[in-house]
């Protein structure tokens, strides 16, 4: 995968993936990870907030968005995953077994979906920023940009944090159960998309070191800040799993 300019990407066929520019957004990094593991040829396009050119092409003000040939844009995490499964079925990341497939999609929604781990961590960061005038959480302009996108409501702050803790607990319990079975993966004994989602979304609590995951220091600080209860919920097994997945299956340093 390589980054290209928008007009170059529009002229090309095949798969083009729009990602957030300059920030290791977990949704974008998970999509990139899926394509990397499956070895699907793809070019990347950075989307920068405030530039209308990319949204005019994709029809979405967010990223990632997968553009494949002349098909409709795909911006949802599940849509992108299922497209990748179709393009490279020889390297499956979704189980054939329907029970395990349902588990994967359910757990993945708790990580990637609306009111899931990533969504509620964003809301918590927005709340911290606006409550402290940027002393904690995101810089105020970032919080003011993200708040409307994620439906920020200050009265929901405690509920947002509770949901983050609930999902962290759900994930860590699953990994501990799997470890007792002798597996390092969330499902069975092999890598699935769920492992990639979990690894990518740990950036929103404990980013990889700067040499592996470069980002502006103000965002690293915002990603890392947690209230004491949430910090306690971030079980070390989640970070051990993240390090294992990046070391064995993904590329480092992360290119943003």
Foldseek 3Di string as FASTA:
>chain_A
DEEDEPVVQVPDAAKEWEAAPQALQLLRQLLVLLCQLLVGDYYYYHDYPPDCPVCVVQVDNHDTWMDHGPDHIDHASVSSLVVSCVVRVVRAQADPDPVSNVVLVVLLCLLRNQLHQSLLLLLLLLLVCVVVVHPAHAHNVVSVVVCVVNVHDNVCNVVSLVSNLVSLLVVVVQCVVVVVVVANESDDRDHHSSLSSLLSRCQQAQNDDCQQEPHPPRVSRNSNDDDPSSNVSNDVSSVVSSVVCCVPRHDTNDDD
